Amino acid sequence: MELIKRLMMFAVYVPFQMAFSYLMAPILATILLFGGMGFLFVILGYEDGVKVFLKSMKQRQVRQKEKLVS
């Protein structure tokens, strides 16, 4: 009886663990990343947050293009 109970526990636990690990974790990470960035931009404002971020992304793209050319 104890073996059946333990097997039933794993039969319920493992699918939920797999679903959370492989489906929910990437979705939550994406939502939290963009939400955190958005919240940071709201706190910092346009001049100190958004402009600086866009400038650094443009500089990064230029460096990557230069790296590919050379």
PDB file of N, CA and C in Angstrom:
ATOM      1  N   MET A   1       0.818  -1.195   0.000  1.00  0.00           N
ATOM      2  CA  MET A   1       0.000   0.000   0.000  1.00  0.00           C
ATOM      3  C   MET A   1       0.867   1.266   0.000  1.00  0.00           C
ATOM      4  N   GLU A   2       1.950   1.225   0.760  1.00  0.00           N
ATOM      5  CA  GLU A   2       2.863   2.370   0.815  1.00  0.00           C
ATOM      6  C   GLU A   2       3.522   2.615  -0.545  1.00  0.00           C
ATOM      7  N   LEU A   3       3.848   1.547  -1.246  1.00  0.00           N
ATOM      8  CA  LEU A   3       4.446   1.677  -2.571  1.00  0.00           C
ATOM      9  C   LEU A   3       3.477   2.336  -3.544  1.00  0.00           C
ATOM     10  N   ILE A   4       2.233   1.937  -3.510  1.00  0.00           N
ATOM     11  CA  ILE A   4       1.222   2.526  -4.399  1.00  0.00           C
ATOM     12  C   ILE A   4       1.041   4.008  -4.079  1.00  0.00           C
ATOM     13  N   LYS A   5       1.013   4.332  -2.804  1.00  0.00           N
ATOM     14  CA  LYS A   5       0.869   5.729  -2.394  1.00  0.00           C
ATOM     15  C   LYS A   5       2.049   6.562  -2.889  1.00  0.00           C
ATOM     16  N   ARG A   6       3.251   6.024  -2.751  1.00  0.00           N
ATOM     17  CA  ARG A   6       4.444   6.736  -3.195  1.00  0.00           C
ATOM     18  C   ARG A   6       4.456   6.897  -4.719  1.00  0.00           C
ATOM     19  N   LEU A   7       4.050   5.866  -5.444  1.00  0.00           N
ATOM     20  CA  LEU A   7       3.975   5.967  -6.904  1.00  0.00           C
ATOM     21  C   LEU A   7       2.949   7.006  -7.339  1.00  0.00           C
ATOM     22  N   MET A   8       1.824   7.066  -6.638  1.00  0.00           N
ATOM     23  CA  MET A   8       0.806   8.068  -6.952  1.00  0.00           C
ATOM     24  C   MET A   8       1.340   9.482  -6.692  1.00  0.00           C
ATOM     25  N   MET A   9       2.106   9.621  -5.625  1.00  0.00           N
ATOM     26  CA  MET A   9       2.683  10.932  -5.321  1.00  0.00           C
ATOM     27  C   MET A   9       3.625  11.367  -6.440  1.00  0.00           C
ATOM     28  N   PHE A  10       4.463  10.464  -6.913  1.00  0.00           N
ATOM     29  CA  PHE A  10       5.372  10.802  -8.003  1.00  0.00           C
ATOM     30  C   PHE A  10       4.625  11.021  -9.307  1.00  0.00           C
ATOM     31  N   ALA A  11       3.546  10.280  -9.515  1.00  0.00           N
ATOM     32  CA  ALA A  11       2.752  10.447 -10.734  1.00  0.00           C
ATOM     33  C   ALA A  11       2.117  11.830 -10.796  1.00  0.00           C
ATOM     34  N   VAL A  12       1.866  12.425  -9.657  1.00  0.00           N
ATOM     35  CA  VAL A  12       1.311  13.778  -9.623  1.00  0.00           C
ATOM     36  C   VAL A  12       2.432  14.819  -9.611  1.00  0.00           C
ATOM     37  N   TYR A  13       3.483  14.567  -8.863  1.00  0.00           N
ATOM     38  CA  TYR A  13       4.543  15.553  -8.668  1.00  0.00           C
ATOM     39  C   TYR A  13       5.381  15.774  -9.928  1.00  0.00           C
ATOM     40  N   VAL A  14       5.817  14.722 -10.549  1.00  0.00           N
ATOM     41  CA  VAL A  14       6.761  14.829 -11.668  1.00  0.00           C
ATOM     42  C   VAL A  14       6.185  15.621 -12.844  1.00  0.00           C
ATOM     43  N   PRO A  15       4.958  15.365 -13.303  1.00  0.00           N
ATOM     44  CA  PRO A  15       4.448  16.185 -14.415  1.00  0.00           C
ATOM     45  C   PRO A  15       4.360  17.679 -14.083  1.00  0.00           C
ATOM     46  N   PHE A  16       3.951  18.003 -12.863  1.00  0.00           N
ATOM     47  CA  PHE A  16       3.899  19.415 -12.486  1.00  0.00           C
ATOM     48  C   PHE A  16       5.294  20.022 -12.420  1.00  0.00           C
ATOM     49  N   GLN A  17       6.249  19.263 -11.941  1.00  0.00           N
ATOM     50  CA  GLN A  17       7.625  19.754 -11.875  1.00  0.00           C
ATOM     51  C   GLN A  17       8.184  19.971 -13.279  1.00  0.00           C
ATOM     52  N   MET A  18       7.916  19.049 -14.176  1.00  0.00           N
ATOM     53  CA  MET A  18       8.379  19.187 -15.562  1.00  0.00           C
ATOM     54  C   MET A  18       7.713  20.384 -16.227  1.00  0.00           C
ATOM     55  N   ALA A  19       6.410  20.539 -16.013  1.00  0.00           N
ATOM     56  CA  ALA A  19       5.691  21.654 -16.627  1.00  0.00           C
ATOM     57  C   ALA A  19       6.243  22.984 -16.126  1.00  0.00           C
ATOM     58  N   PHE A  20       6.523  23.067 -14.844  1.00  0.00           N
ATOM     59  CA  PHE A  20       7.051  24.323 -14.325  1.00  0.00           C
ATOM     60  C   PHE A  20       8.464  24.570 -14.827  1.00  0.00           C
ATOM     61  N   SER A  21       9.296  23.544 -14.820  1.00  0.00           N
ATOM     62  CA  SER A  21      10.700  23.727 -15.189  1.00  0.00           C
ATOM     63  C   SER A  21      10.876  24.079 -16.659  1.00  0.00           C
ATOM     64  N   TYR A  22      10.150  23.406 -17.525  1.00  0.00           N
ATOM     65  CA  TYR A  22      10.402  23.570 -18.953  1.00  0.00           C
ATOM     66  C   TYR A  22       9.425  24.498 -19.650  1.00  0.00           C
ATOM     67  N   LEU A  23       8.285  24.783 -19.059  1.00  0.00           N
ATOM     68  CA  LEU A  23       7.319  25.674 -19.695  1.00  0.00           C
ATOM     69  C   LEU A  23       7.207  27.009 -18.965  1.00  0.00           C
ATOM     70  N   MET A  24       6.979  26.950 -17.675  1.00  0.00           N
ATOM     71  CA  MET A  24       6.700  28.171 -16.928  1.00  0.00           C
ATOM     72  C   MET A  24       7.953  28.995 -16.639  1.00  0.00           C
ATOM     73  N   ALA A  25       9.066  28.358 -16.386  1.00  0.00           N
ATOM     74  CA  ALA A  25      10.274  29.100 -16.024  1.00  0.00           C
ATOM     75  C   ALA A  25      10.721  30.057 -17.133  1.00  0.00           C
ATOM     76  N   PRO A  26      10.820  29.632 -18.398  1.00  0.00           N
ATOM     77  CA  PRO A  26      11.198  30.596 -19.438  1.00  0.00           C
ATOM     78  C   PRO A  26      10.171  31.704 -19.636  1.00  0.00           C
ATOM     79  N   ILE A  27       8.896  31.357 -19.507  1.00  0.00           N
ATOM     80  CA  ILE A  27       7.854  32.373 -19.661  1.00  0.00           C
ATOM     81  C   ILE A  27       7.956  33.402 -18.541  1.00  0.00           C
ATOM     82  N   LEU A  28       8.093  32.928 -17.311  1.00  0.00           N
ATOM     83  CA  LEU A  28       8.215  33.847 -16.182  1.00  0.00           C
ATOM     84  C   LEU A  28       9.495  34.678 -16.270  1.00  0.00           C
ATOM     85  N   ALA A  29      10.584  34.071 -16.707  1.00  0.00           N
ATOM     86  CA  ALA A  29      11.836  34.812 -16.836  1.00  0.00           C
ATOM     87  C   ALA A  29      11.689  35.945 -17.845  1.00  0.00           C
ATOM     88  N   THR A  30      11.024  35.670 -18.959  1.00  0.00           N
ATOM     89  CA  THR A  30      10.814  36.698 -19.977  1.00  0.00           C
ATOM     90  C   THR A  30       9.951  37.826 -19.442  1.00  0.00           C
ATOM     91  N   ILE A  31       8.861  37.467 -18.795  1.00  0.00           N
ATOM     92  CA  ILE A  31       7.958  38.485 -18.252  1.00  0.00           C
ATOM     93  C   ILE A  31       8.667  39.330 -17.198  1.00  0.00           C
ATOM     94  N   LEU A  32       9.401  38.682 -16.307  1.00  0.00           N
ATOM     95  CA  LEU A  32      10.075  39.420 -15.246  1.00  0.00           C
ATOM     96  C   LEU A  32      11.210  40.285 -15.780  1.00  0.00           C
ATOM     97  N   LEU A  33      11.904  39.826 -16.811  1.00  0.00           N
ATOM     98  CA  LEU A  33      12.987  40.613 -17.390  1.00  0.00           C
ATOM     99  C   LEU A  33      12.452  41.893 -18.008  1.00  0.00           C
ATOM    100  N   PHE A  34      11.443  41.766 -18.876  1.00  0.00           N
ATOM    101  CA  PHE A  34      10.904  42.954 -19.533  1.00  0.00           C
ATOM    102  C   PHE A  34      10.144  43.842 -18.553  1.00  0.00           C
ATOM    103  N   GLY A  35       9.468  43.240 -17.594  1.00  0.00           N
ATOM    104  CA  GLY A  35       8.792  44.030 -16.570  1.00  0.00           C
ATOM    105  C   GLY A  35       9.774  44.798 -15.706  1.00  0.00           C
ATOM    106  N   GLY A  36      10.873  44.157 -15.359  1.00  0.00           N
ATOM    107  CA  GLY A  36      11.900  44.823 -14.563  1.00  0.00           C
ATOM    108  C   GLY A  36      12.565  45.955 -15.321  1.00  0.00           C
ATOM    109  N   MET A  37      12.841  45.720 -16.600  1.00  0.00           N
ATOM    110  CA  MET A  37      13.422  46.784 -17.425  1.00  0.00           C
ATOM    111  C   MET A  37      12.452  47.952 -17.549  1.00  0.00           C
ATOM    112  N   GLY A  38      11.183  47.641 -17.777  1.00  0.00           N
ATOM    113  CA  GLY A  38      10.175  48.699 -17.888  1.00  0.00           C
ATOM    114  C   GLY A  38      10.051  49.494 -16.604  1.00  0.00           C
ATOM    115  N   PHE A  39      10.043  48.799 -15.479  1.00  0.00           N
ATOM    116  CA  PHE A  39       9.948  49.476 -14.184  1.00  0.00           C
ATOM    117  C   PHE A  39      11.178  50.344 -13.943  1.00  0.00           C
ATOM    118  N   LEU A  40      12.339  49.855 -14.316  1.00  0.00           N
ATOM    119  CA  LEU A  40      13.564  50.634 -14.173  1.00  0.00           C
ATOM    120  C   LEU A  40      13.512  51.891 -15.035  1.00  0.00           C
ATOM    121  N   PHE A  41      12.998  51.767 -16.255  1.00  0.00           N
ATOM    122  CA  PHE A  41      12.874  52.930 -17.132  1.00  0.00           C
ATOM    123  C   PHE A  41      11.880  53.938 -16.566  1.00  0.00           C
ATOM    124  N   VAL A  42      10.823  53.465 -15.934  1.00  0.00           N
ATOM    125  CA  VAL A  42       9.856  54.375 -15.310  1.00  0.00           C
ATOM    126  C   VAL A  42      10.522  55.130 -14.159  1.00  0.00           C
ATOM    127  N   ILE A  43      11.313  54.436 -13.371  1.00  0.00           N
ATOM    128  CA  ILE A  43      11.984  55.082 -12.240  1.00  0.00           C
ATOM    129  C   ILE A  43      13.021  56.096 -12.730  1.00  0.00           C
ATOM    130  N   LEU A  44      13.844  55.689 -13.705  1.00  0.00           N
ATOM    131  CA  LEU A  44      14.927  56.557 -14.168  1.00  0.00           C
ATOM    132  C   LEU A  44      14.443  57.687 -15.061  1.00  0.00           C
ATOM    133  N   GLY A  45      13.369  57.469 -15.781  1.00  0.00           N
ATOM    134  CA  GLY A  45      12.876  58.483 -16.701  1.00  0.00           C
ATOM    135  C   GLY A  45      13.472  58.303 -18.090  1.00  0.00           C
ATOM    136  N   TYR A  46      13.029  59.160 -18.998  1.00  0.00           N
ATOM    137  CA  TYR A  46      13.438  59.027 -20.396  1.00  0.00           C
ATOM    138  C   TYR A  46      14.909  59.371 -20.593  1.00  0.00           C
ATOM    139  N   GLU A  47      15.343  60.485 -20.029  1.00  0.00           N
ATOM    140  CA  GLU A  47      16.717  60.949 -20.260  1.00  0.00           C
ATOM    141  C   GLU A  47      17.762  59.999 -19.672  1.00  0.00           C
ATOM    142  N   ASP A  48      17.573  59.599 -18.439  1.00  0.00           N
ATOM    143  CA  ASP A  48      18.578  58.780 -17.754  1.00  0.00           C
ATOM    144  C   ASP A  48      18.407  57.287 -17.994  1.00  0.00           C
ATOM    145  N   GLY A  49      17.246  56.859 -18.427  1.00  0.00           N
ATOM    146  CA  GLY A  49      16.997  55.433 -18.596  1.00  0.00           C
ATOM    147  C   GLY A  49      16.956  54.995 -20.045  1.00  0.00           C
ATOM    148  N   VAL A  50      15.936  55.445 -20.747  1.00  0.00           N
ATOM    149  CA  VAL A  50      15.690  54.965 -22.110  1.00  0.00           C
ATOM    150  C   VAL A  50      16.780  55.425 -23.065  1.00  0.00           C
ATOM    151  N   LYS A  51      17.132  56.709 -23.013  1.00  0.00           N
ATOM    152  CA  LYS A  51      18.148  57.220 -23.941  1.00  0.00           C
ATOM    153  C   LYS A  51      19.498  56.528 -23.750  1.00  0.00           C
ATOM    154  N   VAL A  52      19.897  56.349 -22.516  1.00  0.00           N
ATOM    155  CA  VAL A  52      21.184  55.703 -22.222  1.00  0.00           C
ATOM    156  C   VAL A  52      21.164  54.256 -22.696  1.00  0.00           C
ATOM    157  N   PHE A  53      20.055  53.563 -22.467  1.00  0.00           N
ATOM    158  CA  PHE A  53      19.934  52.170 -22.894  1.00  0.00           C
ATOM    159  C   PHE A  53      20.012  52.059 -24.416  1.00  0.00           C
ATOM    160  N   LEU A  54      19.266  52.899 -25.124  1.00  0.00           N
ATOM    161  CA  LEU A  54      19.286  52.847 -26.589  1.00  0.00           C
ATOM    162  C   LEU A  54      20.665  53.200 -27.142  1.00  0.00           C
ATOM    163  N   LYS A  55      21.328  54.173 -26.527  1.00  0.00           N
ATOM    164  CA  LYS A  55      22.676  54.548 -26.968  1.00  0.00           C
ATOM    165  C   LYS A  55      23.650  53.388 -26.795  1.00  0.00           C
ATOM    166  N   SER A  56      23.576  52.708 -25.658  1.00  0.00           N
ATOM    167  CA  SER A  56      24.486  51.587 -25.420  1.00  0.00           C
ATOM    168  C   SER A  56      24.192  50.424 -26.368  1.00  0.00           C
ATOM    169  N   MET A  57      22.921  50.205 -26.695  1.00  0.00           N
ATOM    170  CA  MET A  57      22.585  49.137 -27.635  1.00  0.00           C
ATOM    171  C   MET A  57      23.103  49.458 -29.035  1.00  0.00           C
ATOM    172  N   LYS A  58      23.013  50.729 -29.458  1.00  0.00           N
ATOM    173  CA  LYS A  58      23.545  51.119 -30.769  1.00  0.00           C
ATOM    174  C   LYS A  58      25.060  50.939 -30.812  1.00  0.00           C
ATOM    175  N   GLN A  59      25.749  51.327 -29.737  1.00  0.00           N
ATOM    176  CA  GLN A  59      27.199  51.152 -29.681  1.00  0.00           C
ATOM    177  C   GLN A  59      27.570  49.677 -29.738  1.00  0.00           C
ATOM    178  N   ARG A  60      26.785  48.852 -29.090  1.00  0.00           N
ATOM    179  CA  ARG A  60      27.049  47.410 -29.103  1.00  0.00           C
ATOM    180  C   ARG A  60      26.878  46.849 -30.510  1.00  0.00           C
ATOM    181  N   GLN A  61      25.848  47.300 -31.227  1.00  0.00           N
ATOM    182  CA  GLN A  61      25.638  46.828 -32.593  1.00  0.00           C
ATOM    183  C   GLN A  61      26.793  47.241 -33.491  1.00  0.00           C
ATOM    184  N   VAL A  62      27.276  48.460 -33.322  1.00  0.00           N
ATOM    185  CA  VAL A  62      28.397  48.939 -34.131  1.00  0.00           C
ATOM    186  C   VAL A  62      29.633  48.093 -33.860  1.00  0.00           C
ATOM    187  N   ARG A  63      29.912  47.798 -32.594  1.00  0.00           N
ATOM    188  CA  ARG A  63      31.077  46.970 -32.254  1.00  0.00           C
ATOM    189  C   ARG A  63      30.957  45.570 -32.832  1.00  0.00           C
ATOM    190  N   GLN A  64      29.744  45.005 -32.818  1.00  0.00           N
ATOM    191  CA  GLN A  64      29.554  43.667 -33.377  1.00  0.00           C
ATOM    192  C   GLN A  64      29.761  43.679 -34.885  1.00  0.00           C
ATOM    193  N   LYS A  65      29.280  44.719 -35.561  1.00  0.00           N
ATOM    194  CA  LYS A  65      29.486  44.819 -37.009  1.00  0.00           C
ATOM    195  C   LYS A  65      30.966  44.968 -37.331  1.00  0.00           C
ATOM    196  N   GLU A  66      31.679  45.781 -36.544  1.00  0.00           N
ATOM    197  CA  GLU A  66      33.115  45.947 -36.757  1.00  0.00           C
ATOM    198  C   GLU A  66      33.853  44.638 -36.533  1.00  0.00           C
ATOM    199  N   LYS A  67      33.417  43.879 -35.553  1.00  0.00           N
ATOM    200  CA  LYS A  67      34.048  42.597 -35.265  1.00  0.00           C
ATOM    201  C   LYS A  67      33.828  41.621 -36.415  1.00  0.00           C
ATOM    202  N   LEU A  68      32.629  41.654 -37.019  1.00  0.00           N
ATOM    203  CA  LEU A  68      32.341  40.762 -38.139  1.00  0.00           C
ATOM    204  C   LEU A  68      33.131  41.147 -39.381  1.00  0.00           C
ATOM    205  N   VAL A  69      33.325  42.445 -39.599  1.00  0.00           N
ATOM    206  CA  VAL A  69      34.040  42.911 -40.785  1.00  0.00           C
ATOM    207  C   VAL A  69      35.517  42.557 -40.687  1.00  0.00           C
ATOM    208  N   SER A  70      36.109  42.728 -39.520  1.00  0.00           N
ATOM    209  CA  SER A  70      37.548  42.464 -39.384  1.00  0.00           C
ATOM    210  C   SER A  70      37.855  41.002 -39.205  1.00  0.00           C
TER     211      SER A  70
END
